[in-house]
């Protein structure tokens, strides 16, 4: 009888949420710290997100952390045909092997302690969850900032839920919102981000030393600012090699670098010497 009631309740719930998600999209504004207004739309366009997964941030204590805790030595040692933790030094390869294993782990929905959240997810087709980060709830708990603030290290509460269908994302978000009990702090689609919408003319951007800028999505900054050659920026560093092409091949009026002081040699005539770090910083500032 109890199972029948739960089944009927699930059908009524699904029908109710379907009527909501089938309605016209609605939007609301968000005022960013810089004064920009960003409009949010729900449900989002079908082409803007992946339809088989949902990004979730759970409340502290909402997950079974015994399943998420780990020890890299044990993980690396247990890998088939692996070097083993004892034979492998604590280098980049060691941590790479550990993280690769962690990020490929799949967790049963039973890792969720709250029955309401677990029922909503499984009734919509969630088969398993995976980590978003390699944070360890048994080790990564608190961090002290350089200002002395205590910062909680709770990134292990971020998970990705995977579905056995491609039609339930919006419905699941709606149900989590309607029956919100505080156990899920954030639920959103896994949005698709295109980092290639702006392609600079600089040939070094896509295949040279600046390739990393595109990989981390720096081009999106040009949606807000593309540079202003009227503004002057002071870079306090050890000097600048102004002969580089990004910095204008010279110094003085009409150039990108109009003057300077070398804080290593303490004069104005050797601005370009011993200027490795200062050149990098100046290039970031003036590259637009």
C-alpha atoms as a PDB file:
ATOM      1  CA  UNK A   1       0.000   0.000   0.000  1.00  0.00           C
ATOM      2  CA  UNK A   2       2.821   2.388   0.931  1.00  0.00           C
ATOM      3  CA  UNK A   3       4.572   1.668  -2.367  1.00  0.00           C
ATOM      4  CA  UNK A   4       1.330   2.324  -4.303  1.00  0.00           C
ATOM      5  CA  UNK A   5       0.826   5.687  -2.559  1.00  0.00           C
ATOM      6  CA  UNK A   6       4.423   6.694  -3.328  1.00  0.00           C
ATOM      7  CA  UNK A   7       3.949   5.709  -6.977  1.00  0.00           C
ATOM      8  CA  UNK A   8       0.713   7.729  -7.309  1.00  0.00           C
ATOM      9  CA  UNK A   9       2.370  10.688  -5.607  1.00  0.00           C
ATOM     10  CA  UNK A  10       5.258  10.532  -8.066  1.00  0.00           C
ATOM     11  CA  UNK A  11       2.898  10.563 -11.059  1.00  0.00           C
ATOM     12  CA  UNK A  12       0.938  13.556  -9.694  1.00  0.00           C
ATOM     13  CA  UNK A  13       4.181  15.359  -8.949  1.00  0.00           C
ATOM     14  CA  UNK A  14       5.560  14.746 -12.425  1.00  0.00           C
ATOM     15  CA  UNK A  15       2.338  15.947 -14.055  1.00  0.00           C
ATOM     16  CA  UNK A  16       2.334  19.108 -11.951  1.00  0.00           C
ATOM     17  CA  UNK A  17       5.956  19.931 -12.754  1.00  0.00           C
ATOM     18  CA  UNK A  18       5.436  19.202 -16.433  1.00  0.00           C
ATOM     19  CA  UNK A  19       2.669  21.811 -16.541  1.00  0.00           C
ATOM     20  CA  UNK A  20       5.046  24.349 -14.999  1.00  0.00           C
ATOM     21  CA  UNK A  21       8.018  23.613 -17.266  1.00  0.00           C
ATOM     22  CA  UNK A  22       5.774  23.742 -20.329  1.00  0.00           C
ATOM     23  CA  UNK A  23       4.735  27.313 -19.561  1.00  0.00           C
ATOM     24  CA  UNK A  24       6.236  30.397 -21.197  1.00  0.00           C
ATOM     25  CA  UNK A  25       9.835  31.194 -20.095  1.00  0.00           C
ATOM     26  CA  UNK A  26      10.197  33.981 -17.554  1.00  0.00           C
ATOM     27  CA  UNK A  27      13.175  36.257 -16.920  1.00  0.00           C
ATOM     28  CA  UNK A  28      14.589  38.370 -14.112  1.00  0.00           C
ATOM     29  CA  UNK A  29      17.501  40.832 -13.890  1.00  0.00           C
ATOM     30  CA  UNK A  30      20.651  40.548 -11.809  1.00  0.00           C
ATOM     31  CA  UNK A  31      22.728  43.644 -11.064  1.00  0.00           C
ATOM     32  CA  UNK A  32      26.418  42.733 -10.984  1.00  0.00           C
ATOM     33  CA  UNK A  33      28.958  44.447  -8.720  1.00  0.00           C
ATOM     34  CA  UNK A  34      30.284  46.490 -11.651  1.00  0.00           C
ATOM     35  CA  UNK A  35      26.785  47.835 -12.364  1.00  0.00           C
ATOM     36  CA  UNK A  36      26.075  45.629 -15.380  1.00  0.00           C
ATOM     37  CA  UNK A  37      22.588  44.149 -15.671  1.00  0.00           C
ATOM     38  CA  UNK A  38      22.446  40.473 -16.662  1.00  0.00           C
ATOM     39  CA  UNK A  39      19.105  38.899 -17.557  1.00  0.00           C
ATOM     40  CA  UNK A  40      18.407  35.309 -16.577  1.00  0.00           C
ATOM     41  CA  UNK A  41      15.857  33.194 -18.440  1.00  0.00           C
ATOM     42  CA  UNK A  42      14.143  30.023 -17.227  1.00  0.00           C
ATOM     43  CA  UNK A  43      13.802  27.575 -18.767  1.00  0.00           C
ATOM     44  CA  UNK A  44      16.971  28.264 -20.774  1.00  0.00           C
ATOM     45  CA  UNK A  45      17.131  27.571 -24.499  1.00  0.00           C
ATOM     46  CA  UNK A  46      17.565  23.879 -25.378  1.00  0.00           C
ATOM     47  CA  UNK A  47      20.765  24.638 -27.281  1.00  0.00           C
ATOM     48  CA  UNK A  48      22.553  26.240 -24.310  1.00  0.00           C
ATOM     49  CA  UNK A  49      23.111  23.218 -22.051  1.00  0.00           C
ATOM     50  CA  UNK A  50      23.841  19.477 -21.971  1.00  0.00           C
ATOM     51  CA  UNK A  51      20.637  17.476 -21.570  1.00  0.00           C
ATOM     52  CA  UNK A  52      21.894  14.396 -19.755  1.00  0.00           C
ATOM     53  CA  UNK A  53      23.407  15.945 -16.614  1.00  0.00           C
ATOM     54  CA  UNK A  54      22.684  18.401 -13.817  1.00  0.00           C
ATOM     55  CA  UNK A  55      25.126  20.455 -11.740  1.00  0.00           C
ATOM     56  CA  UNK A  56      24.353  20.346  -8.008  1.00  0.00           C
ATOM     57  CA  UNK A  57      25.797  21.915  -4.887  1.00  0.00           C
ATOM     58  CA  UNK A  58      24.621  20.148  -1.757  1.00  0.00           C
ATOM     59  CA  UNK A  59      24.342  21.634   1.707  1.00  0.00           C
ATOM     60  CA  UNK A  60      27.137  20.741   4.111  1.00  0.00           C
ATOM     61  CA  UNK A  61      26.303  17.330   5.560  1.00  0.00           C
ATOM     62  CA  UNK A  62      23.804  16.367   2.851  1.00  0.00           C
ATOM     63  CA  UNK A  63      26.121  13.709   1.381  1.00  0.00           C
ATOM     64  CA  UNK A  64      27.652  10.530   2.766  1.00  0.00           C
ATOM     65  CA  UNK A  65      31.245  11.758   3.024  1.00  0.00           C
ATOM     66  CA  UNK A  66      32.580   8.305   3.857  1.00  0.00           C
ATOM     67  CA  UNK A  67      32.157   7.535   0.154  1.00  0.00           C
ATOM     68  CA  UNK A  68      33.955  10.715  -0.929  1.00  0.00           C
ATOM     69  CA  UNK A  69      36.943  10.528   1.422  1.00  0.00           C
ATOM     70  CA  UNK A  70      40.073   9.102  -0.145  1.00  0.00           C
ATOM     71  CA  UNK A  71      43.807   8.558   0.226  1.00  0.00           C
ATOM     72  CA  UNK A  72      45.976   8.954  -2.868  1.00  0.00           C
ATOM     73  CA  UNK A  73      48.491   6.365  -1.689  1.00  0.00           C
ATOM     74  CA  UNK A  74      45.750   3.740  -1.560  1.00  0.00           C
ATOM     75  CA  UNK A  75      44.301   4.759  -4.923  1.00  0.00           C
ATOM     76  CA  UNK A  76      47.608   4.726  -6.785  1.00  0.00           C
ATOM     77  CA  UNK A  77      48.739   1.496  -5.103  1.00  0.00           C
ATOM     78  CA  UNK A  78      45.527  -0.314  -6.081  1.00  0.00           C
ATOM     79  CA  UNK A  79      45.569   0.644  -9.776  1.00  0.00           C
ATOM     80  CA  UNK A  80      46.072  -2.461 -11.946  1.00  0.00           C
ATOM     81  CA  UNK A  81      49.500  -2.599 -13.583  1.00  0.00           C
ATOM     82  CA  UNK A  82      50.369   0.717 -11.909  1.00  0.00           C
ATOM     83  CA  UNK A  83      53.678   1.665 -10.397  1.00  0.00           C
ATOM     84  CA  UNK A  84      52.183   1.829  -6.950  1.00  0.00           C
ATOM     85  CA  UNK A  85      52.474   4.677  -4.481  1.00  0.00           C
ATOM     86  CA  UNK A  86      55.626   3.299  -2.907  1.00  0.00           C
ATOM     87  CA  UNK A  87      57.441   3.129  -6.224  1.00  0.00           C
ATOM     88  CA  UNK A  88      56.055   6.394  -7.594  1.00  0.00           C
ATOM     89  CA  UNK A  89      57.491   9.632  -6.288  1.00  0.00           C
ATOM     90  CA  UNK A  90      55.170  12.414  -5.148  1.00  0.00           C
ATOM     91  CA  UNK A  91      55.425  14.264  -8.430  1.00  0.00           C
ATOM     92  CA  UNK A  92      52.956  15.488 -11.017  1.00  0.00           C
ATOM     93  CA  UNK A  93      52.511  11.943 -12.360  1.00  0.00           C
ATOM     94  CA  UNK A  94      51.520  10.636  -8.919  1.00  0.00           C
ATOM     95  CA  UNK A  95      48.820  13.247  -8.361  1.00  0.00           C
ATOM     96  CA  UNK A  96      47.672  13.002 -11.975  1.00  0.00           C
ATOM     97  CA  UNK A  97      47.017   9.277 -11.574  1.00  0.00           C
ATOM     98  CA  UNK A  98      45.167   9.889  -8.316  1.00  0.00           C
ATOM     99  CA  UNK A  99      42.981  12.672  -9.726  1.00  0.00           C
ATOM    100  CA  UNK A 100      42.231  10.717 -12.896  1.00  0.00           C
ATOM    101  CA  UNK A 101      40.839   7.895 -10.765  1.00  0.00           C
ATOM    102  CA  UNK A 102      38.832  10.235  -8.542  1.00  0.00           C
ATOM    103  CA  UNK A 103      37.209  12.123 -11.404  1.00  0.00           C
ATOM    104  CA  UNK A 104      36.109   8.893 -13.095  1.00  0.00           C
ATOM    105  CA  UNK A 105      34.355   7.474 -10.017  1.00  0.00           C
ATOM    106  CA  UNK A 106      30.594   6.973 -10.184  1.00  0.00           C
ATOM    107  CA  UNK A 107      28.456   7.167  -7.042  1.00  0.00           C
ATOM    108  CA  UNK A 108      25.068   5.575  -6.477  1.00  0.00           C
ATOM    109  CA  UNK A 109      22.269   8.079  -5.616  1.00  0.00           C
ATOM    110  CA  UNK A 110      22.341   6.547  -2.133  1.00  0.00           C
ATOM    111  CA  UNK A 111      25.259   8.883  -1.431  1.00  0.00           C
ATOM    112  CA  UNK A 112      22.512  11.508  -0.935  1.00  0.00           C
ATOM    113  CA  UNK A 113      21.266  11.304   2.647  1.00  0.00           C
ATOM    114  CA  UNK A 114      18.016  13.251   2.222  1.00  0.00           C
ATOM    115  CA  UNK A 115      15.188  10.964   0.987  1.00  0.00           C
ATOM    116  CA  UNK A 116      13.216  13.783  -0.703  1.00  0.00           C
ATOM    117  CA  UNK A 117      16.132  14.928  -2.862  1.00  0.00           C
ATOM    118  CA  UNK A 118      17.098  11.350  -3.654  1.00  0.00           C
ATOM    119  CA  UNK A 119      13.517  10.502  -4.709  1.00  0.00           C
ATOM    120  CA  UNK A 120      13.245  13.567  -6.956  1.00  0.00           C
ATOM    121  CA  UNK A 121      16.506  12.742  -8.718  1.00  0.00           C
ATOM    122  CA  UNK A 122      15.934   9.015  -9.168  1.00  0.00           C
ATOM    123  CA  UNK A 123      12.295   9.441 -10.272  1.00  0.00           C
ATOM    124  CA  UNK A 124      13.531  11.687 -13.077  1.00  0.00           C
ATOM    125  CA  UNK A 125      16.149   9.204 -14.232  1.00  0.00           C
ATOM    126  CA  UNK A 126      19.360   9.979 -12.338  1.00  0.00           C
ATOM    127  CA  UNK A 127      21.530   6.866 -12.433  1.00  0.00           C
ATOM    128  CA  UNK A 128      24.715   8.082 -10.748  1.00  0.00           C
ATOM    129  CA  UNK A 129      26.662  11.111  -9.574  1.00  0.00           C
ATOM    130  CA  UNK A 130      30.276  12.129 -10.179  1.00  0.00           C
ATOM    131  CA  UNK A 131      32.647  14.588  -8.546  1.00  0.00           C
ATOM    132  CA  UNK A 132      33.202  18.087  -9.864  1.00  0.00           C
ATOM    133  CA  UNK A 133      36.477  18.539  -7.981  1.00  0.00           C
ATOM    134  CA  UNK A 134      39.052  16.383  -6.236  1.00  0.00           C
ATOM    135  CA  UNK A 135      38.344  18.007  -2.867  1.00  0.00           C
ATOM    136  CA  UNK A 136      38.539  15.604   0.068  1.00  0.00           C
ATOM    137  CA  UNK A 137      35.956  16.037   2.879  1.00  0.00           C
ATOM    138  CA  UNK A 138      38.253  14.212   5.313  1.00  0.00           C
ATOM    139  CA  UNK A 139      41.188  16.565   4.655  1.00  0.00           C
ATOM    140  CA  UNK A 140      40.030  19.756   2.904  1.00  0.00           C
ATOM    141  CA  UNK A 141      37.906  21.508   5.514  1.00  0.00           C
ATOM    142  CA  UNK A 142      39.198  25.018   6.291  1.00  0.00           C
ATOM    143  CA  UNK A 143      41.711  27.428   4.806  1.00  0.00           C
ATOM    144  CA  UNK A 144      43.167  30.651   6.199  1.00  0.00           C
ATOM    145  CA  UNK A 145      43.388  33.515   3.715  1.00  0.00           C
ATOM    146  CA  UNK A 146      46.288  35.967   3.667  1.00  0.00           C
ATOM    147  CA  UNK A 147      43.980  38.436   5.424  1.00  0.00           C
ATOM    148  CA  UNK A 148      43.411  35.972   8.257  1.00  0.00           C
ATOM    149  CA  UNK A 149      39.876  35.008   7.231  1.00  0.00           C
ATOM    150  CA  UNK A 150      38.717  31.433   7.747  1.00  0.00           C
ATOM    151  CA  UNK A 151      37.412  30.074   4.448  1.00  0.00           C
ATOM    152  CA  UNK A 152      35.450  26.778   4.350  1.00  0.00           C
ATOM    153  CA  UNK A 153      36.852  24.316   1.799  1.00  0.00           C
ATOM    154  CA  UNK A 154      33.626  22.567   0.856  1.00  0.00           C
ATOM    155  CA  UNK A 155      34.043  22.052  -2.886  1.00  0.00           C
ATOM    156  CA  UNK A 156      33.365  18.348  -2.346  1.00  0.00           C
ATOM    157  CA  UNK A 157      29.670  19.296  -2.069  1.00  0.00           C
ATOM    158  CA  UNK A 158      29.602  20.012  -5.823  1.00  0.00           C
ATOM    159  CA  UNK A 159      28.441  16.994  -7.807  1.00  0.00           C
ATOM    160  CA  UNK A 160      27.182  16.241 -11.323  1.00  0.00           C
ATOM    161  CA  UNK A 161      24.080  14.057 -11.608  1.00  0.00           C
ATOM    162  CA  UNK A 162      23.780  11.962 -14.785  1.00  0.00           C
ATOM    163  CA  UNK A 163      20.421  10.959 -16.286  1.00  0.00           C
ATOM    164  CA  UNK A 164      19.311   7.998 -18.390  1.00  0.00           C
ATOM    165  CA  UNK A 165      17.324  10.402 -20.609  1.00  0.00           C
ATOM    166  CA  UNK A 166      17.678  13.849 -22.181  1.00  0.00           C
ATOM    167  CA  UNK A 167      14.301  15.370 -21.258  1.00  0.00           C
ATOM    168  CA  UNK A 168      14.239  15.695 -17.466  1.00  0.00           C
ATOM    169  CA  UNK A 169      16.720  18.454 -16.561  1.00  0.00           C
ATOM    170  CA  UNK A 170      14.284  21.377 -16.352  1.00  0.00           C
ATOM    171  CA  UNK A 171      11.616  19.265 -14.671  1.00  0.00           C
ATOM    172  CA  UNK A 172      14.116  18.118 -12.039  1.00  0.00           C
ATOM    173  CA  UNK A 173      15.233  21.684 -11.280  1.00  0.00           C
ATOM    174  CA  UNK A 174      11.599  22.719 -10.920  1.00  0.00           C
ATOM    175  CA  UNK A 175      10.847  19.888  -8.500  1.00  0.00           C
ATOM    176  CA  UNK A 176      13.927  20.669  -6.401  1.00  0.00           C
ATOM    177  CA  UNK A 177      12.774  24.294  -6.236  1.00  0.00           C
ATOM    178  CA  UNK A 178       9.168  23.503  -5.304  1.00  0.00           C
ATOM    179  CA  UNK A 179      10.122  20.961  -2.637  1.00  0.00           C
ATOM    180  CA  UNK A 180      13.217  22.817  -1.482  1.00  0.00           C
ATOM    181  CA  UNK A 181      14.215  21.730   2.017  1.00  0.00           C
ATOM    182  CA  UNK A 182      17.626  23.383   2.080  1.00  0.00           C
ATOM    183  CA  UNK A 183      19.597  20.232   1.230  1.00  0.00           C
ATOM    184  CA  UNK A 184      20.428  21.440  -2.298  1.00  0.00           C
ATOM    185  CA  UNK A 185      21.855  24.962  -2.476  1.00  0.00           C
ATOM    186  CA  UNK A 186      22.328  25.152  -6.250  1.00  0.00           C
ATOM    187  CA  UNK A 187      20.789  23.154  -9.114  1.00  0.00           C
ATOM    188  CA  UNK A 188      21.466  24.246 -12.673  1.00  0.00           C
ATOM    189  CA  UNK A 189      22.023  22.809 -16.144  1.00  0.00           C
ATOM    190  CA  UNK A 190      25.537  22.127 -17.357  1.00  0.00           C
ATOM    191  CA  UNK A 191      25.712  25.096 -19.704  1.00  0.00           C
ATOM    192  CA  UNK A 192      27.723  24.995 -22.920  1.00  0.00           C
ATOM    193  CA  UNK A 193      30.395  27.683 -23.112  1.00  0.00           C
ATOM    194  CA  UNK A 194      31.958  28.691 -26.403  1.00  0.00           C
ATOM    195  CA  UNK A 195      35.389  30.205 -25.779  1.00  0.00           C
ATOM    196  CA  UNK A 196      36.116  30.723 -29.474  1.00  0.00           C
ATOM    197  CA  UNK A 197      33.650  33.499 -30.299  1.00  0.00           C
ATOM    198  CA  UNK A 198      36.456  36.090 -30.517  1.00  0.00           C
ATOM    199  CA  UNK A 199      39.641  35.270 -32.401  1.00  0.00           C
ATOM    200  CA  UNK A 200      42.466  37.814 -32.189  1.00  0.00           C
ATOM    201  CA  UNK A 201      44.566  38.552 -35.276  1.00  0.00           C
ATOM    202  CA  UNK A 202      47.722  37.772 -33.308  1.00  0.00           C
ATOM    203  CA  UNK A 203      49.108  34.480 -34.761  1.00  0.00           C
ATOM    204  CA  UNK A 204      50.651  33.634 -31.390  1.00  0.00           C
ATOM    205  CA  UNK A 205      47.254  33.557 -29.693  1.00  0.00           C
ATOM    206  CA  UNK A 206      45.971  30.245 -31.056  1.00  0.00           C
ATOM    207  CA  UNK A 207      49.153  28.269 -31.578  1.00  0.00           C
ATOM    208  CA  UNK A 208      51.951  30.038 -29.745  1.00  0.00           C
ATOM    209  CA  UNK A 209      52.930  31.047 -26.223  1.00  0.00           C
ATOM    210  CA  UNK A 210      49.533  32.688 -25.632  1.00  0.00           C
ATOM    211  CA  UNK A 211      47.523  29.533 -26.295  1.00  0.00           C
ATOM    212  CA  UNK A 212      46.666  29.186 -22.600  1.00  0.00           C
ATOM    213  CA  UNK A 213      44.610  32.408 -22.712  1.00  0.00           C
ATOM    214  CA  UNK A 214      42.090  30.824 -25.056  1.00  0.00           C
ATOM    215  CA  UNK A 215      41.983  27.617 -23.027  1.00  0.00           C
ATOM    216  CA  UNK A 216      40.848  29.444 -19.889  1.00  0.00           C
ATOM    217  CA  UNK A 217      38.242  31.544 -21.726  1.00  0.00           C
ATOM    218  CA  UNK A 218      39.977  34.917 -21.460  1.00  0.00           C
ATOM    219  CA  UNK A 219      38.311  36.058 -24.689  1.00  0.00           C
ATOM    220  CA  UNK A 220      35.029  36.491 -22.805  1.00  0.00           C
ATOM    221  CA  UNK A 221      36.590  39.544 -21.103  1.00  0.00           C
ATOM    222  CA  UNK A 222      36.249  41.400 -24.409  1.00  0.00           C
ATOM    223  CA  UNK A 223      32.482  41.277 -23.995  1.00  0.00           C
ATOM    224  CA  UNK A 224      32.983  43.910 -21.274  1.00  0.00           C
ATOM    225  CA  UNK A 225      36.143  45.806 -22.300  1.00  0.00           C
ATOM    226  CA  UNK A 226      38.317  45.868 -25.447  1.00  0.00           C
ATOM    227  CA  UNK A 227      40.888  48.388 -24.318  1.00  0.00           C
ATOM    228  CA  UNK A 228      41.296  52.161 -24.290  1.00  0.00           C
ATOM    229  CA  UNK A 229      44.480  53.722 -25.703  1.00  0.00           C
ATOM    230  CA  UNK A 230      43.734  56.976 -23.872  1.00  0.00           C
ATOM    231  CA  UNK A 231      44.251  55.440 -20.432  1.00  0.00           C
ATOM    232  CA  UNK A 232      47.735  55.145 -18.901  1.00  0.00           C
ATOM    233  CA  UNK A 233      48.516  52.238 -16.590  1.00  0.00           C
ATOM    234  CA  UNK A 234      51.508  52.204 -14.246  1.00  0.00           C
ATOM    235  CA  UNK A 235      53.167  48.815 -13.738  1.00  0.00           C
ATOM    236  CA  UNK A 236      55.361  48.708 -10.623  1.00  0.00           C
ATOM    237  CA  UNK A 237      57.800  45.895 -11.331  1.00  0.00           C
ATOM    238  CA  UNK A 238      61.404  45.201 -12.271  1.00  0.00           C
ATOM    239  CA  UNK A 239      61.295  46.750 -15.777  1.00  0.00           C
ATOM    240  CA  UNK A 240      59.907  46.069 -19.232  1.00  0.00           C
ATOM    241  CA  UNK A 241      61.403  44.845 -22.510  1.00  0.00           C
ATOM    242  CA  UNK A 242      59.631  47.360 -24.736  1.00  0.00           C
ATOM    243  CA  UNK A 243      61.272  45.994 -27.903  1.00  0.00           C
ATOM    244  CA  UNK A 244      58.802  43.112 -27.974  1.00  0.00           C
ATOM    245  CA  UNK A 245      56.120  43.404 -30.668  1.00  0.00           C
ATOM    246  CA  UNK A 246      53.255  43.230 -28.157  1.00  0.00           C
ATOM    247  CA  UNK A 247      54.712  46.265 -26.402  1.00  0.00           C
ATOM    248  CA  UNK A 248      55.164  48.424 -29.476  1.00  0.00           C
ATOM    249  CA  UNK A 249      58.857  47.944 -30.393  1.00  0.00           C
ATOM    250  CA  UNK A 250      60.046  51.077 -28.623  1.00  0.00           C
ATOM    251  CA  UNK A 251      59.579  53.623 -25.881  1.00  0.00           C
ATOM    252  CA  UNK A 252      58.406  57.235 -25.760  1.00  0.00           C
ATOM    253  CA  UNK A 253      55.557  59.383 -27.048  1.00  0.00           C
ATOM    254  CA  UNK A 254      53.340  57.553 -29.540  1.00  0.00           C
ATOM    255  CA  UNK A 255      54.442  54.136 -28.250  1.00  0.00           C
ATOM    256  CA  UNK A 256      52.668  51.728 -25.921  1.00  0.00           C
ATOM    257  CA  UNK A 257      55.453  52.181 -23.361  1.00  0.00           C
ATOM    258  CA  UNK A 258      55.872  55.930 -22.830  1.00  0.00           C
ATOM    259  CA  UNK A 259      58.533  55.755 -20.107  1.00  0.00           C
ATOM    260  CA  UNK A 260      59.630  53.849 -17.073  1.00  0.00           C
ATOM    261  CA  UNK A 261      61.903  53.106 -14.183  1.00  0.00           C
ATOM    262  CA  UNK A 262      63.826  49.917 -13.505  1.00  0.00           C
ATOM    263  CA  UNK A 263      63.471  49.039  -9.828  1.00  0.00           C
ATOM    264  CA  UNK A 264      66.303  46.536 -10.097  1.00  0.00           C
ATOM    265  CA  UNK A 265      68.955  48.809 -11.616  1.00  0.00           C
ATOM    266  CA  UNK A 266      67.261  51.902 -10.133  1.00  0.00           C
ATOM    267  CA  UNK A 267      67.455  54.108 -13.203  1.00  0.00           C
ATOM    268  CA  UNK A 268      65.521  55.098 -16.338  1.00  0.00           C
ATOM    269  CA  UNK A 269      68.104  54.064 -18.931  1.00  0.00           C
ATOM    270  CA  UNK A 270      67.993  50.313 -18.300  1.00  0.00           C
ATOM    271  CA  UNK A 271      64.233  49.815 -18.219  1.00  0.00           C
ATOM    272  CA  UNK A 272      64.517  46.827 -20.581  1.00  0.00           C
ATOM    273  CA  UNK A 273      67.172  44.935 -18.585  1.00  0.00           C
ATOM    274  CA  UNK A 274      66.421  42.304 -15.945  1.00  0.00           C
ATOM    275  CA  UNK A 275      62.768  42.742 -16.828  1.00  0.00           C
ATOM    276  CA  UNK A 276      61.424  39.215 -17.198  1.00  0.00           C
ATOM    277  CA  UNK A 277      58.458  39.518 -14.843  1.00  0.00           C
ATOM    278  CA  UNK A 278      57.710  43.161 -15.553  1.00  0.00           C
ATOM    279  CA  UNK A 279      57.547  42.407 -19.288  1.00  0.00           C
ATOM    280  CA  UNK A 280      54.939  39.719 -18.729  1.00  0.00           C
ATOM    281  CA  UNK A 281      52.764  41.973 -16.582  1.00  0.00           C
ATOM    282  CA  UNK A 282      53.043  44.904 -19.008  1.00  0.00           C
ATOM    283  CA  UNK A 283      52.155  42.630 -21.930  1.00  0.00           C
ATOM    284  CA  UNK A 284      48.974  41.467 -20.180  1.00  0.00           C
ATOM    285  CA  UNK A 285      47.968  45.065 -19.516  1.00  0.00           C
ATOM    286  CA  UNK A 286      48.679  46.426 -22.989  1.00  0.00           C
ATOM    287  CA  UNK A 287      47.936  43.505 -25.293  1.00  0.00           C
ATOM    288  CA  UNK A 288      44.508  44.872 -26.251  1.00  0.00           C
END
